[in-house]
Amino acid sequence: ARGKPASRDQLVSIFWPDRGMQQGRQSLRQCLSSL
């Protein structure tokens, strides 16, 4: 993305599409924390 912001909802829909938004956001938080 080269510095362009990505929304949390966008990342959740790409990487955790099979989870609800709340569970997907939790997974994203854990992922970003580990990164």
Full PDB file with SEQRES, HELIX, SHEET, SSBOND, CRYST1, ORIGX, SCALE, CONECT and MASTER records, all heavy atoms in Angstrom:
SEQRES   1 A   35  ALA ARG GLY LYS PRO ALA SER ARG ASP GLN LEU VAL SER          
SEQRES   2 A   35  ILE PHE TRP PRO ASP ARG GLY MET GLN GLN GLY ARG GLN          
SEQRES   3 A   35  SER LEU ARG GLN CYS LEU SER SER LEU                          
HELIX    1 AA1 ARG A    8  PHE A   15  1                                   8    
HELIX    2 AA2 MET A   21  SER A   34  1                                  14    
CRYST1    1.000    1.000    1.000  90.00  90.00  90.00 P 1           1          
ORIGX1      1.000000  0.000000  0.000000        0.00000                         
ORIGX2      0.000000  1.000000  0.000000        0.00000                         
ORIGX3      0.000000  0.000000  1.000000        0.00000                         
SCALE1      1.000000  0.000000  0.000000        0.00000                         
SCALE2      0.000000  1.000000  0.000000        0.00000                         
SCALE3      0.000000  0.000000  1.000000        0.00000                         
ATOM      1  N   ALA A   1       0.828  -1.212   0.000  1.00  0.00           N  
ATOM      2  CA  ALA A   1       0.000   0.000   0.000  1.00  0.00           C  
ATOM      3  C   ALA A   1       0.862   1.261   0.000  1.00  0.00           C  
ATOM      4  O   ALA A   1       0.347   2.354  -0.248  1.00  0.00           O  
ATOM      5  CB  ALA A   1      -0.931   0.000   1.206  1.00  0.00           C  
ATOM      6  N   ARG A   2       2.144   1.126   0.279  1.00  0.00           N  
ATOM      7  CA  ARG A   2       3.124   2.229   0.238  1.00  0.00           C  
ATOM      8  C   ARG A   2       2.677   3.477   0.991  1.00  0.00           C  
ATOM      9  O   ARG A   2       2.605   4.567   0.430  1.00  0.00           O  
ATOM     10  CB  ARG A   2       3.453   2.584  -1.193  1.00  0.00           C  
ATOM     11  CG  ARG A   2       4.146   1.477  -1.898  1.00  0.00           C  
ATOM     12  CD  ARG A   2       4.571   1.888  -3.259  1.00  0.00           C  
ATOM     13  NE  ARG A   2       5.278   0.764  -3.854  1.00  0.00           N  
ATOM     14  CZ  ARG A   2       6.200   0.890  -4.762  1.00  0.00           C  
ATOM     15  NH1 ARG A   2       6.532   2.078  -5.185  1.00  0.00           N  
ATOM     16  NH2 ARG A   2       6.791  -0.158  -5.251  1.00  0.00           N  
ATOM     17  N   GLY A   3       2.355   3.296   2.249  1.00  0.00           N  
ATOM     18  CA  GLY A   3       2.023   4.439   3.084  1.00  0.00           C  
ATOM     19  C   GLY A   3       0.582   4.894   3.042  1.00  0.00           C  
ATOM     20  O   GLY A   3       0.200   5.784   3.775  1.00  0.00           O  
ATOM     21  N   LYS A   4      -0.226   4.303   2.163  1.00  0.00           N  
ATOM     22  CA  LYS A   4      -1.645   4.658   2.129  1.00  0.00           C  
ATOM     23  C   LYS A   4      -2.338   3.937   3.280  1.00  0.00           C  
ATOM     24  O   LYS A   4      -2.101   2.761   3.502  1.00  0.00           O  
ATOM     25  CB  LYS A   4      -2.268   4.259   0.801  1.00  0.00           C  
ATOM     26  CG  LYS A   4      -1.695   5.004  -0.378  1.00  0.00           C  
ATOM     27  CD  LYS A   4      -2.306   4.523  -1.670  1.00  0.00           C  
ATOM     28  CE  LYS A   4      -1.591   5.175  -2.849  1.00  0.00           C  
ATOM     29  NZ  LYS A   4      -1.975   4.565  -4.118  1.00  0.00           N  
ATOM     30  N   PRO A   5      -3.201   4.630   3.991  1.00  0.00           N  
ATOM     31  CA  PRO A   5      -3.864   3.980   5.124  1.00  0.00           C  
ATOM     32  C   PRO A   5      -4.829   2.885   4.681  1.00  0.00           C  
ATOM     33  O   PRO A   5      -5.458   2.980   3.620  1.00  0.00           O  
ATOM     34  CB  PRO A   5      -4.612   5.119   5.820  1.00  0.00           C  
ATOM     35  CG  PRO A   5      -4.735   6.191   4.796  1.00  0.00           C  
ATOM     36  CD  PRO A   5      -3.600   6.020   3.839  1.00  0.00           C  
ATOM     37  N   ALA A   6      -4.919   1.853   5.485  1.00  0.00           N  
ATOM     38  CA  ALA A   6      -5.883   0.773   5.276  1.00  0.00           C  
ATOM     39  C   ALA A   6      -6.797   0.761   6.494  1.00  0.00           C  
ATOM     40  O   ALA A   6      -6.330   0.801   7.627  1.00  0.00           O  
ATOM     41  CB  ALA A   6      -5.170  -0.564   5.133  1.00  0.00           C  
ATOM     42  N   SER A   7      -8.083   0.706   6.265  1.00  0.00           N  
ATOM     43  CA  SER A   7      -9.013   0.692   7.401  1.00  0.00           C  
ATOM     44  C   SER A   7      -9.031  -0.694   8.033  1.00  0.00           C  
ATOM     45  O   SER A   7      -8.737  -1.704   7.395  1.00  0.00           O  
ATOM     46  CB  SER A   7     -10.421   1.077   6.942  1.00  0.00           C  
ATOM     47  OG  SER A   7     -11.010   0.020   6.211  1.00  0.00           O  
ATOM     48  N   ARG A   8      -9.396  -0.711   9.290  1.00  0.00           N  
ATOM     49  CA  ARG A   8      -9.518  -1.986  10.000  1.00  0.00           C  
ATOM     50  C   ARG A   8     -10.569  -2.866   9.327  1.00  0.00           C  
ATOM     51  O   ARG A   8     -10.361  -4.068   9.162  1.00  0.00           O  
ATOM     52  CB  ARG A   8      -9.885  -1.735  11.458  1.00  0.00           C  
ATOM     53  CG  ARG A   8      -8.827  -0.998  12.232  1.00  0.00           C  
ATOM     54  CD  ARG A   8      -9.293  -0.740  13.662  1.00  0.00           C  
ATOM     55  NE  ARG A   8      -8.570   0.287  14.349  1.00  0.00           N  
ATOM     56  CZ  ARG A   8      -7.311   0.240  14.726  1.00  0.00           C  
ATOM     57  NH1 ARG A   8      -6.587  -0.791  14.435  1.00  0.00           N  
ATOM     58  NH2 ARG A   8      -6.751   1.230  15.381  1.00  0.00           N  
ATOM     59  N   ASP A   9     -11.691  -2.262   8.942  1.00  0.00           N  
ATOM     60  CA  ASP A   9     -12.744  -3.033   8.290  1.00  0.00           C  
ATOM     61  C   ASP A   9     -12.256  -3.650   6.983  1.00  0.00           C  
ATOM     62  O   ASP A   9     -12.589  -4.784   6.659  1.00  0.00           O  
ATOM     63  CB  ASP A   9     -13.971  -2.160   8.022  1.00  0.00           C  
ATOM     64  CG  ASP A   9     -14.706  -1.769   9.299  1.00  0.00           C  
ATOM     65  OD1 ASP A   9     -14.425  -2.360  10.367  1.00  0.00           O  
ATOM     66  OD2 ASP A   9     -15.566  -0.869   9.229  1.00  0.00           O  
ATOM     67  N   GLN A  10     -11.460  -2.903   6.252  1.00  0.00           N  
ATOM     68  CA  GLN A  10     -10.901  -3.404   4.993  1.00  0.00           C  
ATOM     69  C   GLN A  10      -9.991  -4.601   5.250  1.00  0.00           C  
ATOM     70  O   GLN A  10     -10.095  -5.628   4.576  1.00  0.00           O  
ATOM     71  CB  GLN A  10     -10.116  -2.278   4.315  1.00  0.00           C  
ATOM     72  CG  GLN A  10      -9.530  -2.613   2.979  1.00  0.00           C  
ATOM     73  CD  GLN A  10      -8.778  -1.419   2.394  1.00  0.00           C  
ATOM     74  OE1 GLN A  10      -8.340  -0.523   3.106  1.00  0.00           O  
ATOM     75  NE2 GLN A  10      -8.640  -1.415   1.089  1.00  0.00           N  
ATOM     76  N   LEU A  11      -9.112  -4.497   6.235  1.00  0.00           N  
ATOM     77  CA  LEU A  11      -8.207  -5.603   6.553  1.00  0.00           C  
ATOM     78  C   LEU A  11      -8.968  -6.821   7.060  1.00  0.00           C  
ATOM     79  O   LEU A  11      -8.664  -7.952   6.690  1.00  0.00           O  
ATOM     80  CB  LEU A  11      -7.158  -5.153   7.567  1.00  0.00           C  
ATOM     81  CG  LEU A  11      -6.163  -4.118   7.058  1.00  0.00           C  
ATOM     82  CD1 LEU A  11      -5.300  -3.588   8.202  1.00  0.00           C  
ATOM     83  CD2 LEU A  11      -5.303  -4.691   5.951  1.00  0.00           C  
ATOM     84  N   VAL A  12      -9.984  -6.587   7.882  1.00  0.00           N  
ATOM     85  CA  VAL A  12     -10.795  -7.703   8.386  1.00  0.00           C  
ATOM     86  C   VAL A  12     -11.504  -8.404   7.231  1.00  0.00           C  
ATOM     87  O   VAL A  12     -11.517  -9.643   7.164  1.00  0.00           O  
ATOM     88  CB  VAL A  12     -11.814  -7.220   9.449  1.00  0.00           C  
ATOM     89  CG1 VAL A  12     -12.845  -8.290   9.763  1.00  0.00           C  
ATOM     90  CG2 VAL A  12     -11.089  -6.804  10.720  1.00  0.00           C  
ATOM     91  N   SER A  13     -12.073  -7.642   6.318  1.00  0.00           N  
ATOM     92  CA  SER A  13     -12.816  -8.267   5.213  1.00  0.00           C  
ATOM     93  C   SER A  13     -11.901  -9.051   4.276  1.00  0.00           C  
ATOM     94  O   SER A  13     -12.327 -10.023   3.667  1.00  0.00           O  
ATOM     95  CB  SER A  13     -13.613  -7.224   4.430  1.00  0.00           C  
ATOM     96  OG  SER A  13     -12.761  -6.347   3.737  1.00  0.00           O  
ATOM     97  N   ILE A  14     -10.641  -8.659   4.183  1.00  0.00           N  
ATOM     98  CA  ILE A  14      -9.694  -9.375   3.328  1.00  0.00           C  
ATOM     99  C   ILE A  14      -9.150 -10.625   4.016  1.00  0.00           C  
ATOM    100  O   ILE A  14      -9.109 -11.701   3.422  1.00  0.00           O  
ATOM    101  CB  ILE A  14      -8.525  -8.448   2.920  1.00  0.00           C  
ATOM    102  CG1 ILE A  14      -9.034  -7.340   1.996  1.00  0.00           C  
ATOM    103  CG2 ILE A  14      -7.405  -9.237   2.240  1.00  0.00           C  
ATOM    104  CD1 ILE A  14      -8.020  -6.230   1.762  1.00  0.00           C  
ATOM    105  N   PHE A  15      -8.735 -10.493   5.280  1.00  0.00           N  
ATOM    106  CA  PHE A  15      -8.013 -11.575   5.945  1.00  0.00           C  
ATOM    107  C   PHE A  15      -8.854 -12.457   6.865  1.00  0.00           C  
ATOM    108  O   PHE A  15      -8.457 -13.580   7.167  1.00  0.00           O  
ATOM    109  CB  PHE A  15      -6.809 -11.006   6.707  1.00  0.00           C  
ATOM    110  CG  PHE A  15      -5.778 -10.423   5.788  1.00  0.00           C  
ATOM    111  CD1 PHE A  15      -5.695  -9.058   5.579  1.00  0.00           C  
ATOM    112  CD2 PHE A  15      -4.912 -11.249   5.091  1.00  0.00           C  
ATOM    113  CE1 PHE A  15      -4.764  -8.518   4.712  1.00  0.00           C  
ATOM    114  CE2 PHE A  15      -3.980 -10.724   4.217  1.00  0.00           C  
ATOM    115  CZ  PHE A  15      -3.903  -9.358   4.028  1.00  0.00           C  
ATOM    116  N   TRP A  16     -10.010 -11.971   7.300  1.00  0.00           N  
ATOM    117  CA  TRP A  16     -10.882 -12.762   8.170  1.00  0.00           C  
ATOM    118  C   TRP A  16     -12.327 -12.666   7.681  1.00  0.00           C  
ATOM    119  O   TRP A  16     -13.236 -12.331   8.456  1.00  0.00           O  
ATOM    120  CB  TRP A  16     -10.773 -12.280   9.623  1.00  0.00           C  
ATOM    121  CG  TRP A  16      -9.426 -12.556  10.209  1.00  0.00           C  
ATOM    122  CD1 TRP A  16      -9.017 -13.702  10.802  1.00  0.00           C  
ATOM    123  CD2 TRP A  16      -8.307 -11.661  10.256  1.00  0.00           C  
ATOM    124  NE1 TRP A  16      -7.709 -13.586  11.205  1.00  0.00           N  
ATOM    125  CE2 TRP A  16      -7.255 -12.349  10.879  1.00  0.00           C  
ATOM    126  CE3 TRP A  16      -8.089 -10.358   9.820  1.00  0.00           C  
ATOM    127  CZ2 TRP A  16      -5.995 -11.765  11.081  1.00  0.00           C  
ATOM    128  CZ3 TRP A  16      -6.840  -9.782  10.012  1.00  0.00           C  
ATOM    129  CH2 TRP A  16      -5.818 -10.482  10.643  1.00  0.00           C  
ATOM    130  N   PRO A  17     -12.588 -12.965   6.408  1.00  0.00           N  
ATOM    131  CA  PRO A  17     -13.935 -12.777   5.858  1.00  0.00           C  
ATOM    132  C   PRO A  17     -14.968 -13.744   6.435  1.00  0.00           C  
ATOM    133  O   PRO A  17     -16.161 -13.470   6.391  1.00  0.00           O  
ATOM    134  CB  PRO A  17     -13.738 -13.030   4.361  1.00  0.00           C  
ATOM    135  CG  PRO A  17     -12.582 -13.965   4.292  1.00  0.00           C  
ATOM    136  CD  PRO A  17     -11.675 -13.542   5.419  1.00  0.00           C  
ATOM    137  N   ASP A  18     -14.518 -14.848   6.997  1.00  0.00           N  
ATOM    138  CA  ASP A  18     -15.427 -15.866   7.518  1.00  0.00           C  
ATOM    139  C   ASP A  18     -15.826 -15.627   8.969  1.00  0.00           C  
ATOM    140  O   ASP A  18     -16.569 -16.412   9.543  1.00  0.00           O  
ATOM    141  CB  ASP A  18     -14.785 -17.244   7.382  1.00  0.00           C  
ATOM    142  CG  ASP A  18     -13.433 -17.352   8.064  1.00  0.00           C  
ATOM    143  OD1 ASP A  18     -12.753 -16.308   8.217  1.00  0.00           O  
ATOM    144  OD2 ASP A  18     -13.031 -18.461   8.440  1.00  0.00           O  
ATOM    145  N   ARG A  19     -15.348 -14.550   9.553  1.00  0.00           N  
ATOM    146  CA  ARG A  19     -15.665 -14.229  10.948  1.00  0.00           C  
ATOM    147  C   ARG A  19     -16.541 -12.994  10.991  1.00  0.00           C  
ATOM    148  O   ARG A  19     -16.525 -12.176  10.093  1.00  0.00           O  
ATOM    149  CB  ARG A  19     -14.389 -13.976  11.740  1.00  0.00           C  
ATOM    150  CG  ARG A  19     -13.491 -15.189  11.752  1.00  0.00           C  
ATOM    151  CD  ARG A  19     -12.318 -14.957  12.623  1.00  0.00           C  
ATOM    152  NE  ARG A  19     -11.446 -16.131  12.566  1.00  0.00           N  
ATOM    153  CZ  ARG A  19     -10.332 -16.236  13.215  1.00  0.00           C  
ATOM    154  NH1 ARG A  19      -9.920 -15.249  13.989  1.00  0.00           N  
ATOM    155  NH2 ARG A  19      -9.603 -17.321  13.121  1.00  0.00           N  
ATOM    156  N   GLY A  20     -17.267 -12.848  12.044  1.00  0.00           N  
ATOM    157  CA  GLY A  20     -18.037 -11.622  12.233  1.00  0.00           C  
ATOM    158  C   GLY A  20     -17.092 -10.456  12.422  1.00  0.00           C  
ATOM    159  O   GLY A  20     -15.898 -10.630  12.688  1.00  0.00           O  
ATOM    160  N   MET A  21     -17.603  -9.244  12.287  1.00  0.00           N  
ATOM    161  CA  MET A  21     -16.761  -8.051  12.386  1.00  0.00           C  
ATOM    162  C   MET A  21     -16.071  -7.958  13.744  1.00  0.00           C  
ATOM    163  O   MET A  21     -14.887  -7.655  13.821  1.00  0.00           O  
ATOM    164  CB  MET A  21     -17.573  -6.784  12.103  1.00  0.00           C  
ATOM    165  CG  MET A  21     -16.720  -5.540  11.945  1.00  0.00           C  
ATOM    166  SD  MET A  21     -15.382  -5.628  10.714  1.00  0.00           S  
ATOM    167  CE  MET A  21     -16.298  -5.734   9.197  1.00  0.00           C  
ATOM    168  N   GLN A  22     -16.788  -8.256  14.817  1.00  0.00           N  
ATOM    169  CA  GLN A  22     -16.187  -8.149  16.149  1.00  0.00           C  
ATOM    170  C   GLN A  22     -15.049  -9.152  16.315  1.00  0.00           C  
ATOM    171  O   GLN A  22     -13.959  -8.791  16.785  1.00  0.00           O  
ATOM    172  CB  GLN A  22     -17.252  -8.371  17.228  1.00  0.00           C  
ATOM    173  CG  GLN A  22     -16.726  -8.154  18.630  1.00  0.00           C  
ATOM    174  CD  GLN A  22     -17.823  -8.272  19.673  1.00  0.00           C  
ATOM    175  OE1 GLN A  22     -18.969  -8.514  19.366  1.00  0.00           O  
ATOM    176  NE2 GLN A  22     -17.444  -8.086  20.923  1.00  0.00           N  
ATOM    177  N   GLN A  23     -15.263 -10.398  15.932  1.00  0.00           N  
ATOM    178  CA  GLN A  23     -14.220 -11.413  16.054  1.00  0.00           C  
ATOM    179  C   GLN A  23     -13.063 -11.120  15.092  1.00  0.00           C  
ATOM    180  O   GLN A  23     -11.896 -11.302  15.435  1.00  0.00           O  
ATOM    181  CB  GLN A  23     -14.786 -12.802  15.795  1.00  0.00           C  
ATOM    182  CG  GLN A  23     -13.795 -13.913  16.086  1.00  0.00           C  
ATOM    183  CD  GLN A  23     -14.379 -15.293  15.854  1.00  0.00           C  
ATOM    184  OE1 GLN A  23     -15.447 -15.432  15.274  1.00  0.00           O  
ATOM    185  NE2 GLN A  23     -13.671 -16.302  16.309  1.00  0.00           N  
ATOM    186  N   GLY A  24     -13.381 -10.643  13.902  1.00  0.00           N  
ATOM    187  CA  GLY A  24     -12.354 -10.286  12.940  1.00  0.00           C  
ATOM    188  C   GLY A  24     -11.480  -9.143  13.429  1.00  0.00           C  
ATOM    189  O   GLY A  24     -10.259  -9.159  13.270  1.00  0.00           O  
ATOM    190  N   ARG A  25     -12.103  -8.152  14.053  1.00  0.00           N  
ATOM    191  CA  ARG A  25     -11.345  -7.018  14.598  1.00  0.00           C  
ATOM    192  C   ARG A  25     -10.430  -7.474  15.738  1.00  0.00           C  
ATOM    193  O   ARG A  25      -9.307  -6.981  15.869  1.00  0.00           O  
ATOM    194  CB  ARG A  25     -12.277  -5.914  15.084  1.00  0.00           C  
ATOM    195  CG  ARG A  25     -12.810  -5.068  13.946  1.00  0.00           C  
ATOM    196  CD  ARG A  25     -13.790  -4.013  14.476  1.00  0.00           C  
ATOM    197  NE  ARG A  25     -13.942  -2.973  13.489  1.00  0.00           N  
ATOM    198  CZ  ARG A  25     -13.372  -1.776  13.555  1.00  0.00           C  
ATOM    199  NH1 ARG A  25     -12.636  -1.457  14.577  1.00  0.00           N  
ATOM    200  NH2 ARG A  25     -13.544  -0.899  12.596  1.00  0.00           N  
ATOM    201  N   GLN A  26     -10.907  -8.408  16.554  1.00  0.00           N  
ATOM    202  CA  GLN A  26     -10.064  -8.944  17.627  1.00  0.00           C  
ATOM    203  C   GLN A  26      -8.861  -9.674  17.031  1.00  0.00           C  
ATOM    204  O   GLN A  26      -7.734  -9.521  17.504  1.00  0.00           O  
ATOM    205  CB  GLN A  26     -10.870  -9.883  18.542  1.00  0.00           C  
ATOM    206  CG  GLN A  26     -10.042 -10.537  19.629  1.00  0.00           C  
ATOM    207  CD  GLN A  26      -9.388  -9.552  20.580  1.00  0.00           C  
ATOM    208  OE1 GLN A  26      -9.917  -8.480  20.848  1.00  0.00           O  
ATOM    209  NE2 GLN A  26      -8.226  -9.907  21.093  1.00  0.00           N  
ATOM    210  N   SER A  27      -9.085 -10.450  15.991  1.00  0.00           N  
ATOM    211  CA  SER A  27      -7.984 -11.157  15.323  1.00  0.00           C  
ATOM    212  C   SER A  27      -6.997 -10.168  14.726  1.00  0.00           C  
ATOM    213  O   SER A  27      -5.780 -10.368  14.799  1.00  0.00           O  
ATOM    214  CB  SER A  27      -8.529 -12.080  14.227  1.00  0.00           C  
ATOM    215  OG  SER A  27      -9.330 -13.087  14.789  1.00  0.00           O  
ATOM    216  N   LEU A  28      -7.497  -9.091  14.140  1.00  0.00           N  
ATOM    217  CA  LEU A  28      -6.630  -8.066  13.577  1.00  0.00           C  
ATOM    218  C   LEU A  28      -5.815  -7.392  14.676  1.00  0.00           C  
ATOM    219  O   LEU A  28      -4.612  -7.158  14.516  1.00  0.00           O  
ATOM    220  CB  LEU A  28      -7.444  -7.022  12.809  1.00  0.00           C  
ATOM    221  CG  LEU A  28      -6.653  -5.851  12.229  1.00  0.00           C  
ATOM    222  CD1 LEU A  28      -5.595  -6.328  11.233  1.00  0.00           C  
ATOM    223  CD2 LEU A  28      -7.602  -4.853  11.570  1.00  0.00           C  
ATOM    224  N   ARG A  29      -6.434  -7.073  15.813  1.00  0.00           N  
ATOM    225  CA  ARG A  29      -5.702  -6.470  16.936  1.00  0.00           C  
ATOM    226  C   ARG A  29      -4.557  -7.367  17.382  1.00  0.00           C  
ATOM    227  O   ARG A  29      -3.432  -6.908  17.604  1.00  0.00           O  
ATOM    228  CB  ARG A  29      -6.635  -6.198  18.121  1.00  0.00           C  
ATOM    229  CG  ARG A  29      -7.398  -4.913  18.021  1.00  0.00           C  
ATOM    230  CD  ARG A  29      -8.097  -4.558  19.325  1.00  0.00           C  
ATOM    231  NE  ARG A  29      -9.147  -5.499  19.686  1.00  0.00           N  
ATOM    232  CZ  ARG A  29     -10.395  -5.449  19.241  1.00  0.00           C  
ATOM    233  NH1 ARG A  29     -10.754  -4.495  18.394  1.00  0.00           N  
ATOM    234  NH2 ARG A  29     -11.283  -6.332  19.631  1.00  0.00           N  
ATOM    235  N   GLN A  30      -4.832  -8.660  17.509  1.00  0.00           N  
ATOM    236  CA  GLN A  30      -3.795  -9.608  17.919  1.00  0.00           C  
ATOM    237  C   GLN A  30      -2.678  -9.676  16.881  1.00  0.00           C  
ATOM    238  O   GLN A  30      -1.498  -9.709  17.218  1.00  0.00           O  
ATOM    239  CB  GLN A  30      -4.392 -10.994  18.139  1.00  0.00           C  
ATOM    240  CG  GLN A  30      -5.283 -11.080  19.347  1.00  0.00           C  
ATOM    241  CD  GLN A  30      -6.022 -12.403  19.432  1.00  0.00           C  
ATOM    242  OE1 GLN A  30      -6.087 -13.169  18.481  1.00  0.00           O  
ATOM    243  NE2 GLN A  30      -6.583 -12.677  20.603  1.00  0.00           N  
ATOM    244  N   CYS A  31      -3.058  -9.683  15.619  1.00  0.00           N  
ATOM    245  CA  CYS A  31      -2.086  -9.733  14.530  1.00  0.00           C  
ATOM    246  C   CYS A  31      -1.195  -8.498  14.542  1.00  0.00           C  
ATOM    247  O   CYS A  31       0.037  -8.608  14.473  1.00  0.00           O  
ATOM    248  CB  CYS A  31      -2.821  -9.866  13.196  1.00  0.00           C  
ATOM    249  SG  CYS A  31      -1.740  -9.916  11.760  1.00  0.00           S  
ATOM    250  N   LEU A  32      -1.784  -7.318  14.632  1.00  0.00           N  
ATOM    251  CA  LEU A  32      -1.006  -6.077  14.638  1.00  0.00           C  
ATOM    252  C   LEU A  32      -0.110  -5.982  15.872  1.00  0.00           C  
ATOM    253  O   LEU A  32       1.026  -5.516  15.785  1.00  0.00           O  
ATOM    254  CB  LEU A  32      -1.934  -4.862  14.561  1.00  0.00           C  
ATOM    255  CG  LEU A  32      -2.657  -4.672  13.235  1.00  0.00           C  
ATOM    256  CD1 LEU A  32      -3.661  -3.528  13.338  1.00  0.00           C  
ATOM    257  CD2 LEU A  32      -1.679  -4.444  12.103  1.00  0.00           C  
ATOM    258  N   SER A  33      -0.612  -6.455  16.997  1.00  0.00           N  
ATOM    259  CA  SER A  33       0.188  -6.455  18.215  1.00  0.00           C  
ATOM    260  C   SER A  33       1.424  -7.332  18.052  1.00  0.00           C  
ATOM    261  O   SER A  33       2.539  -6.930  18.405  1.00  0.00           O  
ATOM    262  CB  SER A  33      -0.656  -6.935  19.394  1.00  0.00           C  
ATOM    263  OG  SER A  33       0.128  -7.035  20.558  1.00  0.00           O  
ATOM    264  N   SER A  34       1.249  -8.515  17.489  1.00  0.00           N  
ATOM    265  CA  SER A  34       2.399  -9.400  17.296  1.00  0.00           C  
ATOM    266  C   SER A  34       3.372  -8.832  16.273  1.00  0.00           C  
ATOM    267  O   SER A  34       4.584  -8.927  16.437  1.00  0.00           O  
ATOM    268  CB  SER A  34       1.952 -10.811  16.898  1.00  0.00           C  
ATOM    269  OG  SER A  34       1.399 -10.824  15.606  1.00  0.00           O  
ATOM    270  N   LEU A  35       2.860  -8.190  15.212  1.00  0.00           N  
ATOM    271  CA  LEU A  35       3.746  -7.577  14.222  1.00  0.00           C  
ATOM    272  C   LEU A  35       4.542  -6.420  14.818  1.00  0.00           C  
ATOM    273  O   LEU A  35       5.737  -6.282  14.559  1.00  0.00           O  
ATOM    274  CB  LEU A  35       2.949  -7.089  13.008  1.00  0.00           C  
ATOM    275  CG  LEU A  35       2.483  -8.159  12.034  1.00  0.00           C  
ATOM    276  CD1 LEU A  35       1.570  -7.558  10.976  1.00  0.00           C  
ATOM    277  CD2 LEU A  35       3.680  -8.853  11.382  1.00  0.00           C  
TER     278      LEU A  35                                                      
MASTER        0    0    0    2    0    0    0    6  277    1    0    3          
END                                                                             
